[in-house]
Amino acid sequence: MATRSRRPERRQEPLSRERIVGAAVELLNTVGERGLTFRALAERLSTGPGAIYWHITGKAELLAAATDAVVAAAVSADPTGTTASPEDAVRAVALGLFDATEAHPWLAPQLATQLSRTPGGTVAPRIFESLGRQVRAMGVPEADWFTASSALMHYILGAAGQNAANSASAGPSGRDVDRDEFLDTVSTAWEGLDPVEYPFTRAVADQVRGHDDREQFLAGITLVLAGITALHRPGR
């Protein structure tokens, strides 16, 4: 009688810091910061919380690591498909961060937290380095590197964060319809403002309707880059 050979059991991928951080990002995307617990993380990884503590000391470190991992992927991406010039590289970094905050609703608040509480951590230097190298390549004098890079960083994170907040308030379903209705409501409200106190706001009210956030974001990057080029030319 022939004996059936026993199939070898599938070996589970060994637990590592990278695997833990990846699972944390997945949990953050689905259940948010409040739902990210070591118990939930252990269940997802099919391990015990004690094993996780060998790699991550607590939730603060876990959130910082998850934020850094997403930012690292964002600043190394090239959504435009071209980095032919320093300006194009800046746009690629900007779009990478913009898309990341859109894809990960928890990222914008965590960026604000990490940058204010732990500016000496890896997140701020990672973003600053990715932008600063391009500012230097644009020929900006060394004395102006910090100012020019800061202007880009503040615009990118501020605009991307506000867009993420707007998207989150629209809800996961019917986002486009909700957004159009929201913008129409804002436009109508602005059109009804006092013409003496708010002449400019009334004049641009109709431009709010149907505008594309991504295109508007890139237009802002172009304005900042134009200002850096005009004000910080070598020898100026």
C-alpha atoms as a PDB file:
ATOM      1  CA  MET A   1       0.000   0.000   0.000  1.00  0.00           C
ATOM      2  CA  ALA A   2       1.467   3.288  -1.082  1.00  0.00           C
ATOM      3  CA  THR A   3       2.025   5.855   1.628  1.00  0.00           C
ATOM      4  CA  ARG A   4       1.105   9.480   1.061  1.00  0.00           C
ATOM      5  CA  SER A   5       3.965  11.855   1.503  1.00  0.00           C
ATOM      6  CA  ARG A   6       3.334  14.634   3.972  1.00  0.00           C
ATOM      7  CA  ARG A   7       3.298  18.098   2.443  1.00  0.00           C
ATOM      8  CA  PRO A   8       5.729  20.419   4.142  1.00  0.00           C
ATOM      9  CA  GLU A   9       4.048  23.174   6.131  1.00  0.00           C
ATOM     10  CA  ARG A  10       4.322  26.625   4.702  1.00  0.00           C
ATOM     11  CA  ARG A  11       6.797  28.576   6.743  1.00  0.00           C
ATOM     12  CA  GLN A  12       5.600  31.965   7.914  1.00  0.00           C
ATOM     13  CA  GLU A  13       7.661  35.014   7.055  1.00  0.00           C
ATOM     14  CA  PRO A  14       9.840  35.856  10.057  1.00  0.00           C
ATOM     15  CA  LEU A  15       8.786  38.822  12.138  1.00  0.00           C
ATOM     16  CA  SER A  16      10.810  41.953  11.414  1.00  0.00           C
ATOM     17  CA  ARG A  17      10.538  45.660  12.055  1.00  0.00           C
ATOM     18  CA  GLU A  18       9.767  46.250   8.373  1.00  0.00           C
ATOM     19  CA  ARG A  19       6.939  43.709   8.429  1.00  0.00           C
ATOM     20  CA  ILE A  20       5.514  45.215  11.622  1.00  0.00           C
ATOM     21  CA  VAL A  21       5.577  48.731  10.172  1.00  0.00           C
ATOM     22  CA  GLY A  22       3.916  47.533   6.961  1.00  0.00           C
ATOM     23  CA  ALA A  23       1.105  45.911   8.947  1.00  0.00           C
ATOM     24  CA  ALA A  24       0.758  49.097  11.023  1.00  0.00           C
ATOM     25  CA  VAL A  25       0.311  51.161   7.848  1.00  0.00           C
ATOM     26  CA  GLU A  26      -2.418  48.767   6.682  1.00  0.00           C
ATOM     27  CA  LEU A  27      -4.206  49.051  10.020  1.00  0.00           C
ATOM     28  CA  LEU A  28      -3.931  52.834  10.030  1.00  0.00           C
ATOM     29  CA  ASN A  29      -5.462  52.952   6.550  1.00  0.00           C
ATOM     30  CA  THR A  30      -8.448  50.836   7.603  1.00  0.00           C
ATOM     31  CA  VAL A  31      -9.143  51.665  11.255  1.00  0.00           C
ATOM     32  CA  GLY A  32      -7.196  54.856  11.898  1.00  0.00           C
ATOM     33  CA  GLU A  33      -4.905  55.802  14.765  1.00  0.00           C
ATOM     34  CA  ARG A  34      -7.368  54.802  17.498  1.00  0.00           C
ATOM     35  CA  GLY A  35      -7.689  51.318  16.043  1.00  0.00           C
ATOM     36  CA  LEU A  36      -3.947  50.816  15.901  1.00  0.00           C
ATOM     37  CA  THR A  37      -3.244  48.754  19.007  1.00  0.00           C
ATOM     38  CA  PHE A  38      -0.576  46.170  19.686  1.00  0.00           C
ATOM     39  CA  ARG A  39      -3.308  43.569  20.140  1.00  0.00           C
ATOM     40  CA  ALA A  40      -4.802  44.345  16.709  1.00  0.00           C
ATOM     41  CA  LEU A  41      -1.331  44.401  15.208  1.00  0.00           C
ATOM     42  CA  ALA A  42      -0.475  41.048  16.785  1.00  0.00           C
ATOM     43  CA  GLU A  43      -3.652  39.495  15.382  1.00  0.00           C
ATOM     44  CA  ARG A  44      -2.829  40.761  11.905  1.00  0.00           C
ATOM     45  CA  LEU A  45       0.702  39.401  12.151  1.00  0.00           C
ATOM     46  CA  SER A  46      -0.410  36.128  13.794  1.00  0.00           C
ATOM     47  CA  THR A  47       1.959  36.605  16.687  1.00  0.00           C
ATOM     48  CA  GLY A  48       1.915  37.794  20.280  1.00  0.00           C
ATOM     49  CA  PRO A  49       2.274  41.424  21.418  1.00  0.00           C
ATOM     50  CA  GLY A  50       5.452  40.471  23.270  1.00  0.00           C
ATOM     51  CA  ALA A  51       7.172  39.552  20.006  1.00  0.00           C
ATOM     52  CA  ILE A  52       6.354  42.978  18.573  1.00  0.00           C
ATOM     53  CA  TYR A  53       7.915  44.722  21.564  1.00  0.00           C
ATOM     54  CA  TRP A  54      11.253  43.188  20.621  1.00  0.00           C
ATOM     55  CA  HIS A  55      11.215  45.480  17.564  1.00  0.00           C
ATOM     56  CA  ILE A  56       8.996  48.452  18.566  1.00  0.00           C
ATOM     57  CA  THR A  57       8.969  49.916  22.065  1.00  0.00           C
ATOM     58  CA  GLY A  58       5.545  51.567  21.969  1.00  0.00           C
ATOM     59  CA  LYS A  59       2.799  53.192  19.923  1.00  0.00           C
ATOM     60  CA  ALA A  60       4.628  56.517  19.536  1.00  0.00           C
ATOM     61  CA  GLU A  61       7.594  54.787  17.927  1.00  0.00           C
ATOM     62  CA  LEU A  62       5.234  52.711  15.769  1.00  0.00           C
ATOM     63  CA  LEU A  63       3.414  55.810  14.470  1.00  0.00           C
ATOM     64  CA  ALA A  64       6.718  57.553  13.771  1.00  0.00           C
ATOM     65  CA  ALA A  65       8.033  54.528  11.882  1.00  0.00           C
ATOM     66  CA  ALA A  66       4.829  54.188   9.840  1.00  0.00           C
ATOM     67  CA  THR A  67       4.915  57.891   8.954  1.00  0.00           C
ATOM     68  CA  ASP A  68       8.568  57.694   7.933  1.00  0.00           C
ATOM     69  CA  ALA A  69       7.980  54.613   5.791  1.00  0.00           C
ATOM     70  CA  VAL A  70       5.154  56.263   3.836  1.00  0.00           C
ATOM     71  CA  VAL A  71       7.112  59.508   3.444  1.00  0.00           C
ATOM     72  CA  ALA A  72      10.199  57.632   2.245  1.00  0.00           C
ATOM     73  CA  ALA A  73       8.166  55.937  -0.482  1.00  0.00           C
ATOM     74  CA  ALA A  74       6.455  59.211  -1.407  1.00  0.00           C
ATOM     75  CA  VAL A  75       9.595  61.309  -1.878  1.00  0.00           C
ATOM     76  CA  SER A  76      11.282  58.591  -3.939  1.00  0.00           C
ATOM     77  CA  ALA A  77       8.317  58.193  -6.305  1.00  0.00           C
ATOM     78  CA  ASP A  78       8.025  60.013  -9.621  1.00  0.00           C
ATOM     79  CA  PRO A  79       4.307  60.431 -10.461  1.00  0.00           C
ATOM     80  CA  THR A  80       5.132  62.719 -13.398  1.00  0.00           C
ATOM     81  CA  GLY A  81       7.313  60.084 -15.054  1.00  0.00           C
ATOM     82  CA  THR A  82      10.142  62.554 -15.586  1.00  0.00           C
ATOM     83  CA  THR A  83      12.756  64.330 -13.526  1.00  0.00           C
ATOM     84  CA  ALA A  84      14.525  66.080 -16.394  1.00  0.00           C
ATOM     85  CA  SER A  85      15.257  69.192 -14.309  1.00  0.00           C
ATOM     86  CA  PRO A  86      15.447  70.162 -10.630  1.00  0.00           C
ATOM     87  CA  GLU A  87      12.055  71.844 -11.002  1.00  0.00           C
ATOM     88  CA  ASP A  88      10.551  68.597 -12.341  1.00  0.00           C
ATOM     89  CA  ALA A  89      12.109  66.708  -9.438  1.00  0.00           C
ATOM     90  CA  VAL A  90      10.513  69.138  -6.969  1.00  0.00           C
ATOM     91  CA  ARG A  91       7.135  68.585  -8.641  1.00  0.00           C
ATOM     92  CA  ALA A  92       7.644  64.808  -8.405  1.00  0.00           C
ATOM     93  CA  VAL A  93       8.387  65.028  -4.674  1.00  0.00           C
ATOM     94  CA  ALA A  94       5.435  67.386  -4.169  1.00  0.00           C
ATOM     95  CA  LEU A  95       3.018  65.106  -6.011  1.00  0.00           C
ATOM     96  CA  GLY A  96       4.356  62.082  -4.175  1.00  0.00           C
ATOM     97  CA  LEU A  97       3.528  63.704  -0.837  1.00  0.00           C
ATOM     98  CA  PHE A  98       0.202  65.045  -2.129  1.00  0.00           C
ATOM     99  CA  ASP A  99      -0.881  61.601  -3.315  1.00  0.00           C
ATOM    100  CA  ALA A 100       0.361  59.960  -0.112  1.00  0.00           C
ATOM    101  CA  THR A 101      -1.737  62.226   2.108  1.00  0.00           C
ATOM    102  CA  GLU A 102      -4.727  61.482  -0.118  1.00  0.00           C
ATOM    103  CA  ALA A 103      -4.173  57.717   0.039  1.00  0.00           C
ATOM    104  CA  HIS A 104      -3.431  57.627   3.778  1.00  0.00           C
ATOM    105  CA  PRO A 105      -5.990  59.756   5.695  1.00  0.00           C
ATOM    106  CA  TRP A 106      -3.950  59.490   8.911  1.00  0.00           C
ATOM    107  CA  LEU A 107      -0.727  60.809   7.356  1.00  0.00           C
ATOM    108  CA  ALA A 108      -1.353  64.572   7.410  1.00  0.00           C
ATOM    109  CA  PRO A 109      -2.110  64.721  11.164  1.00  0.00           C
ATOM    110  CA  GLN A 110       0.869  62.480  11.873  1.00  0.00           C
ATOM    111  CA  LEU A 111       3.160  64.670   9.765  1.00  0.00           C
ATOM    112  CA  ALA A 112       2.088  67.697  11.785  1.00  0.00           C
ATOM    113  CA  THR A 113       2.698  65.775  15.016  1.00  0.00           C
ATOM    114  CA  GLN A 114       6.084  64.414  13.976  1.00  0.00           C
ATOM    115  CA  LEU A 115       7.350  67.734  12.634  1.00  0.00           C
ATOM    116  CA  SER A 116       6.328  69.691  15.748  1.00  0.00           C
ATOM    117  CA  ARG A 117       7.227  67.173  18.468  1.00  0.00           C
ATOM    118  CA  THR A 118      10.222  65.401  16.965  1.00  0.00           C
ATOM    119  CA  PRO A 119      11.764  67.704  14.325  1.00  0.00           C
ATOM    120  CA  GLY A 120      15.071  65.940  14.897  1.00  0.00           C
ATOM    121  CA  GLY A 121      13.590  62.611  13.806  1.00  0.00           C
ATOM    122  CA  THR A 122      13.834  61.163  10.326  1.00  0.00           C
ATOM    123  CA  VAL A 123      10.641  62.573   8.771  1.00  0.00           C
ATOM    124  CA  ALA A 124      11.563  66.277   8.569  1.00  0.00           C
ATOM    125  CA  PRO A 125      15.143  65.672   7.336  1.00  0.00           C
ATOM    126  CA  ARG A 126      13.887  63.199   4.736  1.00  0.00           C
ATOM    127  CA  ILE A 127      11.489  65.719   3.196  1.00  0.00           C
ATOM    128  CA  PHE A 128      13.933  68.605   3.561  1.00  0.00           C
ATOM    129  CA  GLU A 129      16.737  66.641   1.928  1.00  0.00           C
ATOM    130  CA  SER A 130      14.599  65.642  -1.062  1.00  0.00           C
ATOM    131  CA  LEU A 131      13.667  69.284  -1.697  1.00  0.00           C
ATOM    132  CA  GLY A 132      16.939  70.896  -0.653  1.00  0.00           C
ATOM    133  CA  ARG A 133      19.020  68.920  -3.134  1.00  0.00           C
ATOM    134  CA  GLN A 134      16.863  70.266  -5.955  1.00  0.00           C
ATOM    135  CA  VAL A 135      17.018  73.826  -4.619  1.00  0.00           C
ATOM    136  CA  ARG A 136      20.803  73.552  -4.647  1.00  0.00           C
ATOM    137  CA  ALA A 137      20.721  72.122  -8.188  1.00  0.00           C
ATOM    138  CA  MET A 138      18.618  75.121  -9.286  1.00  0.00           C
ATOM    139  CA  GLY A 139      21.617  77.335  -8.561  1.00  0.00           C
ATOM    140  CA  VAL A 140      20.193  79.040  -5.479  1.00  0.00           C
ATOM    141  CA  PRO A 141      23.012  80.606  -3.418  1.00  0.00           C
ATOM    142  CA  GLU A 142      23.922  78.663  -0.285  1.00  0.00           C
ATOM    143  CA  ALA A 143      22.811  81.497   2.015  1.00  0.00           C
ATOM    144  CA  ASP A 144      19.260  81.070   0.661  1.00  0.00           C
ATOM    145  CA  TRP A 145      19.015  77.257   0.679  1.00  0.00           C
ATOM    146  CA  PHE A 146      17.175  77.031   3.992  1.00  0.00           C
ATOM    147  CA  THR A 147      14.625  79.746   3.187  1.00  0.00           C
ATOM    148  CA  ALA A 148      13.836  78.446  -0.295  1.00  0.00           C
ATOM    149  CA  SER A 149      13.547  74.806   0.831  1.00  0.00           C
ATOM    150  CA  SER A 150      11.402  75.805   3.815  1.00  0.00           C
ATOM    151  CA  ALA A 151       9.018  77.740   1.574  1.00  0.00           C
ATOM    152  CA  LEU A 152       8.537  74.674  -0.628  1.00  0.00           C
ATOM    153  CA  MET A 153       8.136  72.309   2.301  1.00  0.00           C
ATOM    154  CA  HIS A 154       5.596  74.508   4.097  1.00  0.00           C
ATOM    155  CA  TYR A 155       3.505  74.994   0.971  1.00  0.00           C
ATOM    156  CA  ILE A 156       3.532  71.288   0.063  1.00  0.00           C
ATOM    157  CA  LEU A 157       2.608  70.009   3.514  1.00  0.00           C
ATOM    158  CA  GLY A 158       0.054  72.751   4.137  1.00  0.00           C
ATOM    159  CA  ALA A 159      -1.753  72.382   0.822  1.00  0.00           C
ATOM    160  CA  ALA A 160      -1.579  68.570   0.813  1.00  0.00           C
ATOM    161  CA  GLY A 161      -2.810  68.420   4.402  1.00  0.00           C
ATOM    162  CA  GLN A 162      -5.749  70.710   3.698  1.00  0.00           C
ATOM    163  CA  ASN A 163      -6.698  68.674   0.648  1.00  0.00           C
ATOM    164  CA  ALA A 164      -6.576  65.480   2.716  1.00  0.00           C
ATOM    165  CA  ALA A 165      -8.810  67.081   5.350  1.00  0.00           C
ATOM    166  CA  ASN A 166     -11.301  68.132   2.668  1.00  0.00           C
ATOM    167  CA  SER A 167     -11.343  64.636   1.189  1.00  0.00           C
ATOM    168  CA  ALA A 168     -11.831  63.049   4.599  1.00  0.00           C
ATOM    169  CA  SER A 169     -14.792  65.305   5.377  1.00  0.00           C
ATOM    170  CA  ALA A 170     -16.459  64.228   2.107  1.00  0.00           C
ATOM    171  CA  GLY A 171     -16.611  60.612   3.295  1.00  0.00           C
ATOM    172  CA  PRO A 172     -15.576  57.365   1.585  1.00  0.00           C
ATOM    173  CA  SER A 173     -18.630  57.048  -0.666  1.00  0.00           C
ATOM    174  CA  GLY A 174     -19.836  59.457  -3.291  1.00  0.00           C
ATOM    175  CA  ARG A 175     -16.847  61.670  -2.730  1.00  0.00           C
ATOM    176  CA  ASP A 176     -16.982  63.377  -6.144  1.00  0.00           C
ATOM    177  CA  VAL A 177     -20.659  64.253  -5.874  1.00  0.00           C
ATOM    178  CA  ASP A 178     -20.269  65.464  -2.293  1.00  0.00           C
ATOM    179  CA  ARG A 179     -17.276  67.548  -3.270  1.00  0.00           C
ATOM    180  CA  ASP A 180     -19.108  69.222  -6.160  1.00  0.00           C
ATOM    181  CA  GLU A 181     -22.034  70.012  -3.897  1.00  0.00           C
ATOM    182  CA  PHE A 182     -19.712  71.355  -1.229  1.00  0.00           C
ATOM    183  CA  LEU A 183     -17.843  73.602  -3.680  1.00  0.00           C
ATOM    184  CA  ASP A 184     -21.118  74.867  -5.104  1.00  0.00           C
ATOM    185  CA  THR A 185     -22.296  75.718  -1.596  1.00  0.00           C
ATOM    186  CA  VAL A 186     -19.076  77.616  -0.892  1.00  0.00           C
ATOM    187  CA  SER A 187     -19.296  79.478  -4.211  1.00  0.00           C
ATOM    188  CA  THR A 188     -22.881  80.467  -3.568  1.00  0.00           C
ATOM    189  CA  ALA A 189     -22.029  81.663  -0.062  1.00  0.00           C
ATOM    190  CA  TRP A 190     -19.126  83.762  -1.347  1.00  0.00           C
ATOM    191  CA  GLU A 191     -21.272  85.271  -4.077  1.00  0.00           C
ATOM    192  CA  GLY A 192     -23.693  86.403  -1.388  1.00  0.00           C
ATOM    193  CA  LEU A 193     -21.078  88.259   0.665  1.00  0.00           C
ATOM    194  CA  ASP A 194     -21.155  92.011   1.151  1.00  0.00           C
ATOM    195  CA  PRO A 195     -19.718  93.548  -2.064  1.00  0.00           C
ATOM    196  CA  VAL A 196     -18.087  96.386  -0.124  1.00  0.00           C
ATOM    197  CA  GLU A 197     -16.268  94.203   2.413  1.00  0.00           C
ATOM    198  CA  TYR A 198     -15.481  91.257   0.119  1.00  0.00           C
ATOM    199  CA  PRO A 199     -15.139  92.497  -3.469  1.00  0.00           C
ATOM    200  CA  PHE A 200     -12.238  90.160  -4.315  1.00  0.00           C
ATOM    201  CA  THR A 201     -13.782  87.040  -2.744  1.00  0.00           C
ATOM    202  CA  ARG A 202     -17.004  87.642  -4.655  1.00  0.00           C
ATOM    203  CA  ALA A 203     -15.041  88.100  -7.889  1.00  0.00           C
ATOM    204  CA  VAL A 204     -13.353  84.679  -7.632  1.00  0.00           C
ATOM    205  CA  ALA A 205     -16.328  82.828  -6.146  1.00  0.00           C
ATOM    206  CA  ASP A 206     -17.271  81.149  -9.411  1.00  0.00           C
ATOM    207  CA  GLN A 207     -13.701  79.817  -9.857  1.00  0.00           C
ATOM    208  CA  VAL A 208     -14.182  77.659  -6.774  1.00  0.00           C
ATOM    209  CA  ARG A 209     -16.761  75.528  -8.596  1.00  0.00           C
ATOM    210  CA  GLY A 210     -15.344  72.408 -10.206  1.00  0.00           C
ATOM    211  CA  HIS A 211     -11.687  73.276  -9.774  1.00  0.00           C
ATOM    212  CA  ASP A 212      -9.167  70.412  -9.787  1.00  0.00           C
ATOM    213  CA  ASP A 213      -7.259  70.155  -6.502  1.00  0.00           C
ATOM    214  CA  ARG A 214      -4.243  68.447  -8.048  1.00  0.00           C
ATOM    215  CA  GLU A 215      -3.905  71.017 -10.817  1.00  0.00           C
ATOM    216  CA  GLN A 216      -4.308  73.847  -8.329  1.00  0.00           C
ATOM    217  CA  PHE A 217      -1.661  72.267  -6.108  1.00  0.00           C
ATOM    218  CA  LEU A 218       0.803  72.039  -8.997  1.00  0.00           C
ATOM    219  CA  ALA A 219       0.051  75.625 -10.002  1.00  0.00           C
ATOM    220  CA  GLY A 220       1.046  76.678  -6.505  1.00  0.00           C
ATOM    221  CA  ILE A 221       4.324  74.752  -6.809  1.00  0.00           C
ATOM    222  CA  THR A 222       5.011  76.580 -10.066  1.00  0.00           C
ATOM    223  CA  LEU A 223       4.433  79.931  -8.343  1.00  0.00           C
ATOM    224  CA  VAL A 224       6.794  79.064  -5.492  1.00  0.00           C
ATOM    225  CA  LEU A 225       9.465  77.830  -7.909  1.00  0.00           C
ATOM    226  CA  ALA A 226       9.106  80.976 -10.013  1.00  0.00           C
ATOM    227  CA  GLY A 227       9.573  83.096  -6.903  1.00  0.00           C
ATOM    228  CA  ILE A 228      12.661  81.160  -5.841  1.00  0.00           C
ATOM    229  CA  THR A 229      14.145  81.502  -9.310  1.00  0.00           C
ATOM    230  CA  ALA A 230      13.406  85.241  -9.490  1.00  0.00           C
ATOM    231  CA  LEU A 231      14.571  86.161  -5.996  1.00  0.00           C
ATOM    232  CA  HIS A 232      17.514  83.819  -5.535  1.00  0.00           C
ATOM    233  CA  ARG A 233      19.397  83.895  -8.791  1.00  0.00           C
ATOM    234  CA  PRO A 234      23.149  83.436  -8.326  1.00  0.00           C
ATOM    235  CA  GLY A 235      24.810  86.838  -7.931  1.00  0.00           C
ATOM    236  CA  ARG A 236      21.569  88.687  -7.212  1.00  0.00           C
END
